[in-house]
N, C-alpha and C. Protein backbone atom coordinates (compact mmCIF):
# COMPACT_ATOMS: atom_id res chain seq x y z
N MET A 1 -6.28 4.78 2.05
CA MET A 1 -5.20 4.20 1.49
C MET A 1 -4.81 4.98 0.46
N ASP A 2 -3.21 5.09 0.02
CA ASP A 2 -2.80 5.91 -1.05
C ASP A 2 -3.33 5.15 -2.43
N SER A 3 -4.09 6.03 -3.14
CA SER A 3 -4.55 5.40 -4.35
C SER A 3 -3.37 5.12 -5.52
N ASP A 4 -2.35 5.81 -5.35
CA ASP A 4 -1.49 5.46 -6.20
C ASP A 4 -0.71 4.11 -5.98
N LEU A 5 -0.55 3.93 -4.77
CA LEU A 5 0.07 2.78 -4.12
C LEU A 5 -0.77 1.62 -4.61
N LEU A 6 -2.18 1.61 -4.42
CA LEU A 6 -2.96 0.54 -4.74
C LEU A 6 -3.05 0.40 -6.34
N ASP A 7 -2.97 1.37 -7.00
CA ASP A 7 -2.86 1.12 -8.42
C ASP A 7 -1.71 0.41 -8.65
N ASP A 8 -0.46 0.81 -8.13
CA ASP A 8 0.77 0.12 -8.54
C ASP A 8 0.74 -1.43 -8.20
N LEU A 9 0.01 -1.60 -7.05
CA LEU A 9 0.00 -3.14 -6.43
C LEU A 9 -0.98 -3.86 -7.37
N ALA A 10 -2.04 -3.13 -7.58
CA ALA A 10 -3.03 -3.95 -8.71
C ALA A 10 -2.30 -4.40 -9.92
N ASP A 11 -1.66 -3.33 -10.57
CA ASP A 11 -1.02 -3.63 -11.73
C ASP A 11 0.13 -4.90 -11.58
N ARG A 12 0.75 -4.77 -10.55
CA ARG A 12 1.82 -5.75 -10.31
C ARG A 12 1.13 -7.13 -10.24
N ALA A 13 -0.15 -7.19 -9.43
CA ALA A 13 -0.80 -8.26 -9.20
C ALA A 13 -1.38 -8.92 -10.43
N ILE A 14 -2.00 -8.03 -11.51
CA ILE A 14 -2.54 -8.40 -12.61
C ILE A 14 -1.06 -8.86 -13.70
N GLY A 15 0.06 -8.34 -13.51
CA GLY A 15 1.25 -8.72 -14.07
C GLY A 15 1.58 -10.10 -14.03
N LEU A 16 0.98 -10.78 -12.90
CA LEU A 16 1.51 -11.96 -12.56
C LEU A 16 0.62 -13.16 -13.05
N THR A 17 -0.66 -12.58 -13.82
CA THR A 17 -1.51 -13.62 -14.38
C THR A 17 -1.09 -13.80 -15.75
N GLY A 18 -1.61 -14.97 -16.33
CA GLY A 18 -1.21 -15.27 -17.56
C GLY A 18 -1.95 -16.75 -17.88
N ASP A 19 -2.18 -16.97 -19.20
CA ASP A 19 -2.81 -18.23 -19.86
C ASP A 19 -3.96 -18.64 -18.88
N ASP A 20 -4.12 -19.81 -18.37
CA ASP A 20 -5.28 -20.29 -17.57
C ASP A 20 -4.96 -20.67 -16.17
N ARG A 21 -3.85 -20.00 -15.72
CA ARG A 21 -3.27 -20.38 -14.38
C ARG A 21 -3.83 -19.66 -13.31
N ARG A 22 -4.08 -20.02 -12.20
CA ARG A 22 -4.29 -19.21 -11.02
C ARG A 22 -3.30 -18.74 -10.36
N VAL A 23 -3.27 -17.44 -9.98
CA VAL A 23 -2.24 -16.86 -9.28
C VAL A 23 -2.55 -16.85 -7.82
N LEU A 24 -1.67 -17.18 -6.89
CA LEU A 24 -1.78 -17.15 -5.58
C LEU A 24 -0.58 -16.07 -4.96
N LEU A 25 -1.18 -15.08 -4.40
CA LEU A 25 -0.52 -13.94 -3.93
C LEU A 25 -0.58 -13.78 -2.50
N GLY A 26 0.46 -13.85 -1.87
CA GLY A 26 0.71 -13.75 -0.48
C GLY A 26 0.90 -12.28 0.15
N ILE A 27 0.39 -11.96 1.32
CA ILE A 27 0.77 -10.70 1.96
C ILE A 27 0.98 -11.14 3.25
N THR A 28 2.16 -10.57 3.73
CA THR A 28 2.43 -10.97 5.22
C THR A 28 2.87 -9.44 5.77
N GLY A 29 3.31 -9.73 7.22
CA GLY A 29 3.81 -8.65 8.11
C GLY A 29 3.59 -9.07 9.25
N ALA A 30 4.09 -8.14 10.31
CA ALA A 30 3.77 -8.53 11.68
C ALA A 30 2.47 -8.20 12.17
N PRO A 31 1.88 -8.86 13.36
CA PRO A 31 0.58 -8.35 13.67
C PRO A 31 0.38 -7.08 13.85
N GLY A 32 -0.70 -6.78 13.25
CA GLY A 32 -1.13 -5.32 13.39
C GLY A 32 -0.67 -4.45 12.18
N ALA A 33 0.09 -5.06 11.18
CA ALA A 33 0.68 -4.42 10.13
C ALA A 33 -0.26 -3.76 9.08
N GLY A 34 -1.32 -4.28 9.03
CA GLY A 34 -2.43 -3.98 7.94
C GLY A 34 -2.53 -5.06 6.87
N LYS A 35 -2.26 -6.21 7.06
CA LYS A 35 -2.32 -7.30 6.25
C LYS A 35 -3.74 -7.51 5.61
N THR A 36 -4.80 -7.50 6.58
CA THR A 36 -6.11 -7.66 6.18
C THR A 36 -6.56 -6.30 5.24
N THR A 37 -6.44 -5.19 5.77
CA THR A 37 -6.70 -4.16 5.42
C THR A 37 -6.27 -3.96 3.68
N LEU A 38 -4.92 -4.11 3.51
CA LEU A 38 -4.33 -4.31 2.23
C LEU A 38 -5.03 -5.29 1.35
N ALA A 39 -5.20 -6.40 1.85
CA ALA A 39 -5.76 -7.59 1.03
C ALA A 39 -7.29 -7.20 0.59
N ALA A 40 -8.21 -6.60 1.58
CA ALA A 40 -9.46 -6.29 1.13
C ALA A 40 -9.43 -5.12 0.15
N ALA A 41 -8.68 -4.27 0.26
CA ALA A 41 -8.46 -3.11 -0.61
C ALA A 41 -7.99 -3.59 -1.97
N LEU A 42 -7.03 -4.49 -2.14
CA LEU A 42 -6.56 -4.94 -3.28
C LEU A 42 -7.78 -5.76 -3.96
N VAL A 43 -8.25 -6.77 -3.24
CA VAL A 43 -9.18 -7.48 -3.86
C VAL A 43 -10.45 -6.55 -4.46
N GLN A 44 -10.83 -5.74 -3.74
CA GLN A 44 -11.77 -4.68 -4.27
C GLN A 44 -11.31 -3.99 -5.56
N ARG A 45 -10.30 -3.52 -5.39
CA ARG A 45 -9.73 -2.83 -6.52
C ARG A 45 -9.49 -3.73 -7.77
N LEU A 46 -9.22 -4.83 -7.67
CA LEU A 46 -9.05 -5.89 -8.74
C LEU A 46 -10.45 -6.30 -9.43
N ARG A 47 -11.31 -6.40 -8.48
CA ARG A 47 -12.79 -6.80 -8.94
C ARG A 47 -13.35 -5.65 -9.62
N ALA A 48 -12.98 -4.35 -9.20
CA ALA A 48 -13.52 -3.07 -9.99
C ALA A 48 -12.88 -3.13 -11.45
N ASP A 49 -11.79 -3.74 -11.76
CA ASP A 49 -11.07 -3.81 -13.02
C ASP A 49 -11.72 -5.08 -13.74
N GLY A 50 -12.77 -5.76 -13.03
CA GLY A 50 -13.30 -6.90 -13.77
C GLY A 50 -12.72 -8.28 -13.58
N LEU A 51 -11.64 -8.40 -12.68
CA LEU A 51 -11.15 -9.63 -12.43
C LEU A 51 -11.83 -10.33 -11.31
N ALA A 52 -11.80 -11.80 -11.42
CA ALA A 52 -12.48 -12.66 -10.46
C ALA A 52 -11.37 -12.94 -9.54
N VAL A 53 -11.54 -12.60 -8.30
CA VAL A 53 -10.71 -12.52 -7.22
C VAL A 53 -11.12 -13.14 -6.07
N ALA A 54 -10.51 -13.88 -5.17
CA ALA A 54 -10.84 -14.52 -3.98
C ALA A 54 -9.69 -14.04 -3.02
N HIS A 55 -10.28 -13.94 -1.72
CA HIS A 55 -9.55 -13.51 -0.43
C HIS A 55 -9.67 -14.70 0.59
N VAL A 56 -8.54 -15.40 1.01
CA VAL A 56 -8.58 -16.58 1.59
C VAL A 56 -7.28 -16.49 2.72
N PRO A 57 -7.82 -15.77 3.85
CA PRO A 57 -6.88 -15.46 4.84
C PRO A 57 -6.19 -16.81 5.55
N MET A 58 -4.89 -16.78 5.81
CA MET A 58 -4.28 -17.90 6.59
C MET A 58 -4.88 -18.03 7.94
N ASP A 59 -5.59 -17.02 8.69
CA ASP A 59 -6.03 -17.14 9.96
C ASP A 59 -7.32 -18.36 9.94
N GLY A 60 -7.74 -18.75 8.92
CA GLY A 60 -8.74 -19.75 8.89
C GLY A 60 -8.09 -21.12 9.38
N PHE A 61 -6.71 -21.05 9.49
CA PHE A 61 -6.08 -22.28 9.96
C PHE A 61 -5.61 -22.14 11.39
N HIS A 62 -5.99 -21.00 12.06
CA HIS A 62 -5.98 -20.96 13.50
C HIS A 62 -6.32 -22.52 14.21
N LEU A 63 -5.65 -23.06 15.04
CA LEU A 63 -6.23 -24.22 15.71
C LEU A 63 -7.39 -23.64 16.53
N ALA A 64 -8.68 -24.45 16.75
CA ALA A 64 -9.59 -24.00 17.47
C ALA A 64 -9.07 -24.18 18.89
N ASP A 65 -9.95 -23.46 19.83
CA ASP A 65 -9.41 -23.61 21.41
C ASP A 65 -9.47 -24.65 21.82
N ALA A 66 -10.34 -25.76 21.49
CA ALA A 66 -10.27 -27.11 22.07
C ALA A 66 -8.84 -27.66 21.62
N ALA A 67 -8.39 -27.49 20.41
CA ALA A 67 -7.04 -28.12 20.18
C ALA A 67 -5.84 -27.51 20.84
N LEU A 68 -6.12 -26.19 21.11
CA LEU A 68 -5.06 -25.34 21.71
C LEU A 68 -5.10 -25.66 23.32
N ILE A 69 -6.15 -25.96 24.02
CA ILE A 69 -6.28 -26.36 25.45
C ILE A 69 -5.53 -27.84 25.34
N GLU A 70 -5.99 -28.74 24.38
CA GLU A 70 -5.52 -30.08 24.36
C GLU A 70 -3.81 -30.19 24.27
N ARG A 71 -3.19 -28.96 23.63
CA ARG A 71 -1.73 -29.02 23.48
C ARG A 71 -1.17 -28.00 24.54
N GLY A 72 -1.97 -27.32 25.33
CA GLY A 72 -1.51 -26.48 26.38
C GLY A 72 -0.97 -25.26 25.74
N LEU A 73 -1.57 -24.74 24.62
CA LEU A 73 -1.10 -23.66 23.89
C LEU A 73 -2.04 -22.38 23.75
N LEU A 74 -3.05 -22.35 24.65
CA LEU A 74 -4.34 -21.41 24.69
C LEU A 74 -3.59 -20.05 24.83
N ASP A 75 -2.66 -19.94 25.91
CA ASP A 75 -1.97 -18.83 26.12
C ASP A 75 -0.87 -18.29 25.31
N ARG A 76 -0.86 -19.04 24.21
CA ARG A 76 0.28 -18.59 23.07
C ARG A 76 -0.60 -18.35 21.78
N LYS A 77 -2.06 -18.28 21.79
CA LYS A 77 -2.70 -18.14 20.54
C LYS A 77 -2.11 -17.17 19.71
N GLY A 78 -1.93 -17.57 18.43
CA GLY A 78 -1.30 -16.61 17.52
C GLY A 78 0.11 -16.81 17.30
N ALA A 79 0.77 -17.68 18.06
CA ALA A 79 2.15 -17.97 17.82
C ALA A 79 2.16 -19.19 16.48
N ILE A 80 3.35 -19.30 16.08
CA ILE A 80 3.31 -20.00 14.74
C ILE A 80 2.94 -21.51 15.05
N GLU A 81 3.08 -21.98 16.29
CA GLU A 81 2.70 -23.48 16.48
C GLU A 81 1.16 -23.56 16.61
N THR A 82 0.42 -22.46 16.66
CA THR A 82 -0.86 -22.54 16.94
C THR A 82 -1.73 -22.48 15.64
N PHE A 83 -0.85 -22.64 14.48
CA PHE A 83 -1.80 -22.77 13.24
C PHE A 83 -1.33 -24.13 12.40
N ASP A 84 -2.46 -24.62 11.69
CA ASP A 84 -2.36 -26.01 11.08
C ASP A 84 -1.63 -25.54 9.77
N ALA A 85 -0.14 -25.52 9.75
CA ALA A 85 0.46 -25.21 8.47
C ALA A 85 0.29 -25.98 7.32
N HIS A 86 0.35 -27.33 7.70
CA HIS A 86 0.22 -28.42 6.80
C HIS A 86 -1.13 -28.31 5.97
N GLY A 87 -2.12 -28.05 6.82
CA GLY A 87 -3.47 -27.84 6.21
C GLY A 87 -3.68 -26.66 5.25
N TYR A 88 -2.96 -25.46 5.76
CA TYR A 88 -2.93 -24.42 5.04
C TYR A 88 -2.29 -24.72 3.64
N LEU A 89 -1.01 -25.42 3.66
CA LEU A 89 -0.21 -25.84 2.56
C LEU A 89 -1.18 -26.78 1.53
N ALA A 90 -1.86 -27.54 2.18
CA ALA A 90 -2.65 -28.28 1.20
C ALA A 90 -3.66 -27.83 0.50
N LEU A 91 -4.22 -26.61 1.18
CA LEU A 91 -5.36 -25.76 0.49
C LEU A 91 -4.69 -25.17 -0.61
N LEU A 92 -3.56 -24.34 -0.41
CA LEU A 92 -2.84 -23.71 -1.44
C LEU A 92 -2.42 -24.60 -2.57
N ARG A 93 -2.03 -25.67 -2.36
CA ARG A 93 -1.79 -26.72 -3.56
C ARG A 93 -3.05 -26.98 -4.14
N ARG A 94 -4.31 -27.25 -3.43
CA ARG A 94 -5.53 -27.29 -4.12
C ARG A 94 -6.01 -26.29 -5.02
N LEU A 95 -5.69 -25.18 -4.45
CA LEU A 95 -6.08 -23.96 -5.10
C LEU A 95 -5.48 -23.78 -6.51
N ARG A 96 -4.08 -24.30 -6.46
CA ARG A 96 -3.27 -24.19 -7.72
C ARG A 96 -3.83 -25.01 -8.75
N ILE A 97 -4.38 -26.16 -8.45
CA ILE A 97 -4.53 -27.23 -9.68
C ILE A 97 -6.18 -27.41 -9.76
N GLU A 98 -6.93 -27.28 -8.75
CA GLU A 98 -8.30 -27.50 -8.79
C GLU A 98 -9.11 -26.55 -9.34
N LEU A 99 -9.31 -26.45 -10.50
CA LEU A 99 -9.73 -25.22 -11.42
C LEU A 99 -11.29 -25.58 -11.96
N ASP A 100 -11.65 -26.68 -11.73
CA ASP A 100 -13.07 -27.17 -12.42
C ASP A 100 -14.17 -27.18 -11.54
N HIS A 101 -14.02 -26.77 -10.15
CA HIS A 101 -15.01 -26.81 -9.15
C HIS A 101 -14.69 -25.84 -8.11
N ASP A 102 -15.64 -25.53 -7.31
CA ASP A 102 -15.54 -24.81 -6.07
C ASP A 102 -14.59 -25.59 -5.07
N VAL A 103 -13.84 -24.36 -4.57
CA VAL A 103 -13.10 -25.21 -3.50
C VAL A 103 -13.31 -24.34 -2.39
N LEU A 104 -13.65 -24.96 -1.21
CA LEU A 104 -13.94 -24.34 0.04
C LEU A 104 -12.88 -24.05 0.93
N ALA A 105 -12.72 -22.97 1.89
CA ALA A 105 -11.84 -22.58 2.66
C ALA A 105 -12.28 -22.24 4.19
N PRO A 106 -11.65 -22.42 4.91
CA PRO A 106 -11.83 -21.82 6.32
C PRO A 106 -11.64 -20.29 6.38
N ASP A 107 -12.55 -19.75 7.37
CA ASP A 107 -12.23 -18.29 7.81
C ASP A 107 -12.03 -18.32 9.11
N PHE A 108 -11.74 -17.02 9.77
CA PHE A 108 -11.59 -16.83 11.13
C PHE A 108 -12.62 -15.84 11.63
N GLU A 109 -13.42 -16.31 12.63
CA GLU A 109 -14.16 -15.39 13.05
C GLU A 109 -13.73 -14.40 14.35
N ARG A 110 -13.57 -13.23 14.32
CA ARG A 110 -12.74 -12.65 15.47
C ARG A 110 -13.79 -12.31 16.47
N THR A 111 -14.93 -12.29 16.36
CA THR A 111 -15.91 -12.06 17.44
C THR A 111 -15.75 -13.46 18.26
N LEU A 112 -15.85 -14.60 17.70
CA LEU A 112 -15.74 -15.65 18.61
C LEU A 112 -14.21 -16.22 18.77
N GLU A 113 -13.21 -15.70 18.11
CA GLU A 113 -11.79 -15.94 18.15
C GLU A 113 -11.82 -17.45 17.72
N GLN A 114 -12.60 -17.94 16.65
CA GLN A 114 -12.47 -19.36 16.29
C GLN A 114 -12.58 -19.43 14.78
N PRO A 115 -11.84 -20.61 14.30
CA PRO A 115 -11.95 -20.80 12.64
C PRO A 115 -13.33 -21.52 12.47
N ILE A 116 -13.66 -20.95 11.24
CA ILE A 116 -15.11 -21.40 10.74
C ILE A 116 -14.70 -22.23 9.39
N ALA A 117 -15.14 -23.58 9.47
CA ALA A 117 -14.71 -24.29 8.23
C ALA A 117 -15.87 -23.98 6.95
N GLY A 118 -15.28 -24.19 5.94
CA GLY A 118 -16.00 -24.01 4.56
C GLY A 118 -16.59 -22.88 4.53
N ALA A 119 -16.08 -21.56 5.07
CA ALA A 119 -16.95 -20.30 5.03
C ALA A 119 -16.43 -19.56 3.72
N ILE A 120 -15.36 -19.87 3.02
CA ILE A 120 -14.98 -19.02 1.99
C ILE A 120 -15.18 -20.05 0.70
N THR A 121 -15.84 -19.54 -0.40
CA THR A 121 -15.80 -20.49 -1.70
C THR A 121 -14.91 -19.68 -2.66
N VAL A 122 -14.13 -20.51 -3.14
CA VAL A 122 -12.95 -20.11 -4.21
C VAL A 122 -13.62 -20.72 -5.47
N ARG A 123 -14.20 -20.05 -6.48
CA ARG A 123 -14.88 -20.39 -7.72
C ARG A 123 -13.88 -20.70 -8.68
N PRO A 124 -14.31 -21.49 -9.66
CA PRO A 124 -13.45 -21.96 -10.91
C PRO A 124 -12.74 -20.57 -11.54
N GLN A 125 -13.74 -19.70 -11.69
CA GLN A 125 -13.41 -18.33 -12.55
C GLN A 125 -12.53 -17.45 -11.67
N ASP A 126 -12.09 -17.65 -10.38
CA ASP A 126 -11.32 -16.89 -9.67
C ASP A 126 -9.82 -16.98 -10.21
N ARG A 127 -9.16 -16.11 -10.68
CA ARG A 127 -7.90 -16.23 -11.31
C ARG A 127 -6.84 -15.84 -10.41
N ILE A 128 -7.23 -15.16 -9.31
CA ILE A 128 -6.28 -14.58 -8.50
C ILE A 128 -6.65 -14.88 -7.08
N VAL A 129 -5.98 -15.48 -6.16
CA VAL A 129 -6.33 -15.69 -4.78
C VAL A 129 -5.30 -14.88 -4.02
N VAL A 130 -5.78 -13.89 -3.14
CA VAL A 130 -5.02 -13.11 -2.20
C VAL A 130 -5.10 -13.74 -0.83
N THR A 131 -3.99 -14.18 -0.45
CA THR A 131 -3.92 -14.79 0.90
C THR A 131 -3.16 -13.95 1.85
N GLU A 132 -3.20 -13.71 3.10
CA GLU A 132 -2.60 -13.14 4.09
C GLU A 132 -2.33 -13.76 5.38
N GLY A 133 -1.32 -13.55 5.97
CA GLY A 133 -0.92 -14.19 7.35
C GLY A 133 0.44 -13.70 7.74
N ASN A 134 0.74 -14.25 9.05
CA ASN A 134 1.99 -13.59 9.61
C ASN A 134 3.17 -14.46 9.19
N TYR A 135 2.96 -15.84 8.81
CA TYR A 135 4.22 -16.67 8.82
C TYR A 135 4.45 -17.02 7.44
N LEU A 136 4.08 -16.28 6.37
CA LEU A 136 4.28 -16.83 5.03
C LEU A 136 5.64 -16.98 4.52
N LEU A 137 6.51 -16.25 5.34
CA LEU A 137 7.94 -16.29 4.74
C LEU A 137 8.76 -17.08 5.72
N ASP A 138 8.14 -17.59 6.89
CA ASP A 138 8.87 -18.58 7.83
C ASP A 138 9.66 -19.52 7.21
N ASP A 139 10.74 -19.87 7.97
CA ASP A 139 11.70 -20.79 7.29
C ASP A 139 11.87 -22.30 8.00
N GLU A 140 10.76 -22.43 8.59
CA GLU A 140 10.69 -23.71 9.52
C GLU A 140 9.50 -24.51 9.22
N GLY A 141 9.51 -25.79 9.37
CA GLY A 141 8.59 -26.73 9.33
C GLY A 141 7.73 -26.78 7.95
N ALA A 142 6.68 -26.52 7.82
CA ALA A 142 5.93 -26.49 6.48
C ALA A 142 5.97 -25.20 5.78
N TRP A 143 6.36 -24.11 6.57
CA TRP A 143 6.30 -22.76 6.01
C TRP A 143 6.95 -22.52 4.77
N PRO A 144 8.33 -23.03 4.48
CA PRO A 144 9.05 -22.82 3.10
C PRO A 144 8.29 -23.59 2.04
N ALA A 145 7.59 -24.41 2.29
CA ALA A 145 6.75 -25.00 1.10
C ALA A 145 5.57 -24.11 0.83
N VAL A 146 5.01 -23.49 2.03
CA VAL A 146 4.00 -22.44 1.62
C VAL A 146 4.51 -21.37 0.82
N ARG A 147 5.60 -20.87 1.33
CA ARG A 147 6.24 -19.94 0.41
C ARG A 147 6.42 -20.32 -1.01
N ALA A 148 6.87 -21.43 -1.26
CA ALA A 148 7.13 -21.91 -2.67
C ALA A 148 5.74 -22.23 -3.20
N ALA A 149 4.78 -22.39 -2.79
CA ALA A 149 3.41 -22.51 -3.33
C ALA A 149 2.83 -21.01 -3.85
N LEU A 150 3.29 -20.00 -3.42
CA LEU A 150 2.89 -18.63 -3.60
C LEU A 150 3.65 -18.06 -4.94
N ASP A 151 2.96 -17.31 -5.73
CA ASP A 151 3.73 -16.70 -6.87
C ASP A 151 4.60 -15.65 -6.20
N GLU A 152 4.10 -14.80 -5.46
CA GLU A 152 4.79 -13.75 -4.82
C GLU A 152 4.27 -13.55 -3.46
N THR A 153 5.06 -13.19 -2.47
CA THR A 153 4.68 -12.67 -1.16
C THR A 153 5.30 -11.13 -0.93
N TRP A 154 4.18 -10.45 -0.43
CA TRP A 154 4.72 -8.96 -0.23
C TRP A 154 4.69 -8.74 1.28
N PHE A 155 5.47 -8.18 1.85
CA PHE A 155 5.71 -7.69 3.21
C PHE A 155 5.30 -6.31 3.47
N ILE A 156 4.51 -6.05 4.43
CA ILE A 156 4.26 -4.67 4.83
C ILE A 156 5.05 -4.20 6.23
N ASP A 157 5.61 -3.22 5.83
CA ASP A 157 6.66 -2.59 6.83
C ASP A 157 6.03 -1.41 7.37
N ILE A 158 6.07 -1.26 8.76
CA ILE A 158 5.23 -0.36 9.51
C ILE A 158 5.92 0.01 10.80
N ASP A 159 5.87 1.25 11.13
CA ASP A 159 6.44 1.60 12.56
C ASP A 159 5.78 0.78 13.49
N ASP A 160 6.73 0.39 14.50
CA ASP A 160 6.22 -0.40 15.68
C ASP A 160 5.19 0.07 16.38
N SER A 161 5.37 1.48 16.87
CA SER A 161 4.45 2.12 17.61
C SER A 161 3.30 2.19 17.10
N VAL A 162 2.88 2.48 15.69
CA VAL A 162 1.74 2.53 15.23
C VAL A 162 1.14 1.14 15.25
N ARG A 163 1.87 0.01 14.90
CA ARG A 163 1.31 -1.35 14.70
C ARG A 163 0.88 -1.75 16.19
N VAL A 164 1.73 -1.58 17.22
CA VAL A 164 1.18 -1.95 18.63
C VAL A 164 -0.07 -1.23 19.04
N GLY A 165 -0.22 0.16 18.78
CA GLY A 165 -1.37 0.72 19.17
C GLY A 165 -2.48 0.01 18.26
N ARG A 166 -2.42 -0.43 17.21
CA ARG A 166 -3.54 -0.92 16.43
C ARG A 166 -3.84 -2.24 17.31
N LEU A 167 -2.86 -2.98 17.29
CA LEU A 167 -3.14 -4.23 18.04
C LEU A 167 -3.94 -4.36 19.48
N VAL A 168 -3.48 -3.30 20.18
CA VAL A 168 -4.06 -3.07 21.40
C VAL A 168 -5.66 -2.80 21.30
N ARG A 169 -5.77 -1.81 20.36
CA ARG A 169 -7.10 -1.24 20.04
C ARG A 169 -8.17 -2.49 19.43
N ARG A 170 -7.48 -3.38 18.65
CA ARG A 170 -8.20 -4.60 18.20
C ARG A 170 -8.75 -5.54 19.21
N HIS A 171 -7.69 -5.72 20.19
CA HIS A 171 -8.06 -6.66 21.38
C HIS A 171 -9.06 -6.06 22.07
N VAL A 172 -9.16 -4.78 22.42
CA VAL A 172 -10.20 -4.20 23.19
C VAL A 172 -11.59 -4.21 22.43
N ARG A 173 -11.37 -3.97 21.10
CA ARG A 173 -12.62 -4.14 20.33
C ARG A 173 -13.23 -5.38 20.28
N PHE A 174 -12.51 -6.43 20.53
CA PHE A 174 -12.92 -7.91 20.43
C PHE A 174 -13.22 -8.41 21.90
N GLY A 175 -13.27 -7.49 22.89
CA GLY A 175 -13.64 -7.89 24.23
C GLY A 175 -12.59 -7.93 25.40
N LYS A 176 -11.37 -7.60 25.11
CA LYS A 176 -10.37 -7.65 26.12
C LYS A 176 -10.44 -6.26 26.96
N PRO A 177 -10.40 -6.37 28.22
CA PRO A 177 -10.04 -4.95 28.85
C PRO A 177 -8.83 -4.40 28.41
N GLU A 178 -8.60 -3.10 28.55
CA GLU A 178 -7.38 -2.64 27.88
C GLU A 178 -6.03 -2.97 28.63
N PRO A 179 -6.01 -3.18 29.87
CA PRO A 179 -4.67 -3.53 30.51
C PRO A 179 -4.42 -4.91 30.23
N GLU A 180 -5.44 -5.74 29.93
CA GLU A 180 -5.24 -7.19 29.61
C GLU A 180 -4.77 -7.16 28.01
N ALA A 181 -5.43 -6.16 27.26
CA ALA A 181 -4.97 -6.08 25.79
C ALA A 181 -3.62 -5.90 25.68
N ALA A 182 -3.10 -4.71 26.46
CA ALA A 182 -1.76 -4.30 26.31
C ALA A 182 -0.66 -5.28 26.93
N SER A 183 -1.08 -6.06 27.82
CA SER A 183 -0.32 -7.27 28.40
C SER A 183 -0.06 -8.25 27.48
N TRP A 184 -1.28 -8.61 26.71
CA TRP A 184 -1.26 -9.70 25.59
C TRP A 184 -0.06 -9.38 24.50
N VAL A 185 -0.32 -8.17 24.05
CA VAL A 185 0.38 -7.56 22.96
C VAL A 185 1.79 -7.67 23.27
N ALA A 186 2.20 -7.11 24.55
CA ALA A 186 3.68 -7.19 24.87
C ALA A 186 4.13 -8.65 25.21
N GLN A 187 3.39 -9.50 25.62
CA GLN A 187 3.82 -10.76 26.08
C GLN A 187 3.78 -11.85 24.95
N VAL A 188 2.77 -11.70 24.05
CA VAL A 188 2.69 -12.71 23.00
C VAL A 188 2.70 -12.19 21.71
N ASP A 189 2.06 -11.28 21.26
CA ASP A 189 1.94 -10.78 19.91
C ASP A 189 3.41 -10.22 19.43
N GLU A 190 4.09 -9.43 20.55
CA GLU A 190 5.41 -9.04 20.15
C GLU A 190 6.37 -9.95 19.85
N ALA A 191 6.49 -11.00 20.50
CA ALA A 191 7.43 -12.12 20.44
C ALA A 191 7.19 -12.69 18.96
N ASN A 192 5.73 -12.71 18.34
CA ASN A 192 5.64 -13.38 17.24
C ASN A 192 5.96 -12.33 16.18
N ALA A 193 5.96 -11.12 16.52
CA ALA A 193 6.15 -9.92 15.41
C ALA A 193 7.74 -9.92 15.16
N ARG A 194 8.49 -10.18 16.18
CA ARG A 194 9.94 -10.20 15.97
C ARG A 194 10.29 -11.41 15.01
N ARG A 195 9.61 -12.39 15.25
CA ARG A 195 9.60 -13.69 14.34
C ARG A 195 9.38 -13.38 12.96
N VAL A 196 8.36 -12.62 12.76
CA VAL A 196 7.94 -12.26 11.25
C VAL A 196 8.72 -11.11 10.79
N ILE A 197 9.11 -10.05 11.46
CA ILE A 197 9.94 -9.32 11.02
C ILE A 197 11.31 -9.55 10.56
N ALA A 198 11.85 -10.81 11.35
CA ALA A 198 13.24 -11.05 11.00
C ALA A 198 13.25 -11.77 9.52
N ARG A 199 12.01 -12.02 8.91
CA ARG A 199 11.93 -12.70 7.58
C ARG A 199 11.66 -11.63 6.48
N ARG A 200 11.79 -10.48 6.69
CA ARG A 200 11.53 -9.40 5.79
C ARG A 200 12.10 -9.52 4.62
N SER A 201 13.47 -9.55 4.56
CA SER A 201 14.31 -9.64 3.39
C SER A 201 13.91 -10.68 2.34
N ALA A 202 13.05 -11.78 2.83
CA ALA A 202 12.82 -12.80 1.90
C ALA A 202 11.48 -12.56 0.89
N ALA A 203 11.04 -11.19 1.31
CA ALA A 203 9.82 -10.87 0.54
C ALA A 203 9.93 -10.63 -1.00
N ASP A 204 9.19 -10.65 -1.80
CA ASP A 204 9.37 -10.32 -3.22
C ASP A 204 9.20 -8.69 -3.33
N LEU A 205 8.51 -8.02 -2.37
CA LEU A 205 8.10 -6.83 -2.34
C LEU A 205 7.88 -6.42 -0.97
N VAL A 206 8.48 -5.13 -0.57
CA VAL A 206 8.00 -4.60 0.66
C VAL A 206 7.18 -3.21 0.48
N VAL A 207 6.10 -3.39 1.23
CA VAL A 207 5.21 -2.28 1.06
C VAL A 207 5.13 -1.36 2.27
N ASP A 208 5.31 0.00 2.03
CA ASP A 208 5.13 0.97 3.00
C ASP A 208 3.93 1.18 3.80
N GLY A 209 3.89 0.55 4.99
CA GLY A 209 2.59 0.50 5.74
C GLY A 209 1.98 1.79 6.13
N ALA A 210 2.90 2.68 6.21
CA ALA A 210 2.35 4.06 6.26
C ALA A 210 1.36 4.63 5.39
N LEU A 211 1.27 4.09 4.14
CA LEU A 211 0.34 4.48 3.19
C LEU A 211 -0.76 3.70 3.05
N LEU A 212 -1.15 2.88 4.08
CA LEU A 212 -2.23 1.92 4.12
C LEU A 212 -3.37 2.82 4.79
């Protein structure tokens, strides 16, 4: 990752802090854009500066397979309707105001492809929470309230060919045969990507994904 870019982003995140408030910083972009990579690098960089920071991915609010099967959505896993947007919003609001005790958040286990409840601890001393996910800028349902709950939301912009290649390799790494992985990306992930990319202009900052 470009060190100058990371320095600039860390400075911008630090600039959002002040008084005793907790900062909620969102990172979004299409599937495969590098959201988790940037979030993890930013958290590491901020911690190296002595800041207490937590990383809370939106992916912890994936509906479990049992809920997807119940709703007939298993073949659309990753689409906007396969997330608990209201649950995610409730957590963000808790993180904003509940500063005197630990707040537990779910994570997503990619090997199992299932959410794991209570896997992440946000401590009272954590002054910045970095969260990342596909739909932070969406304009339907609970998502505008999610955007309003965040101090800033950054969008990662990257060439589609690079992003699609990453997605196929990720699906293969977690168990799909390559033809099935390519088909899933083309039929499911790319429809989601178009929806995410359409909201690019609503971001507070656009980050060049080629530098990640």
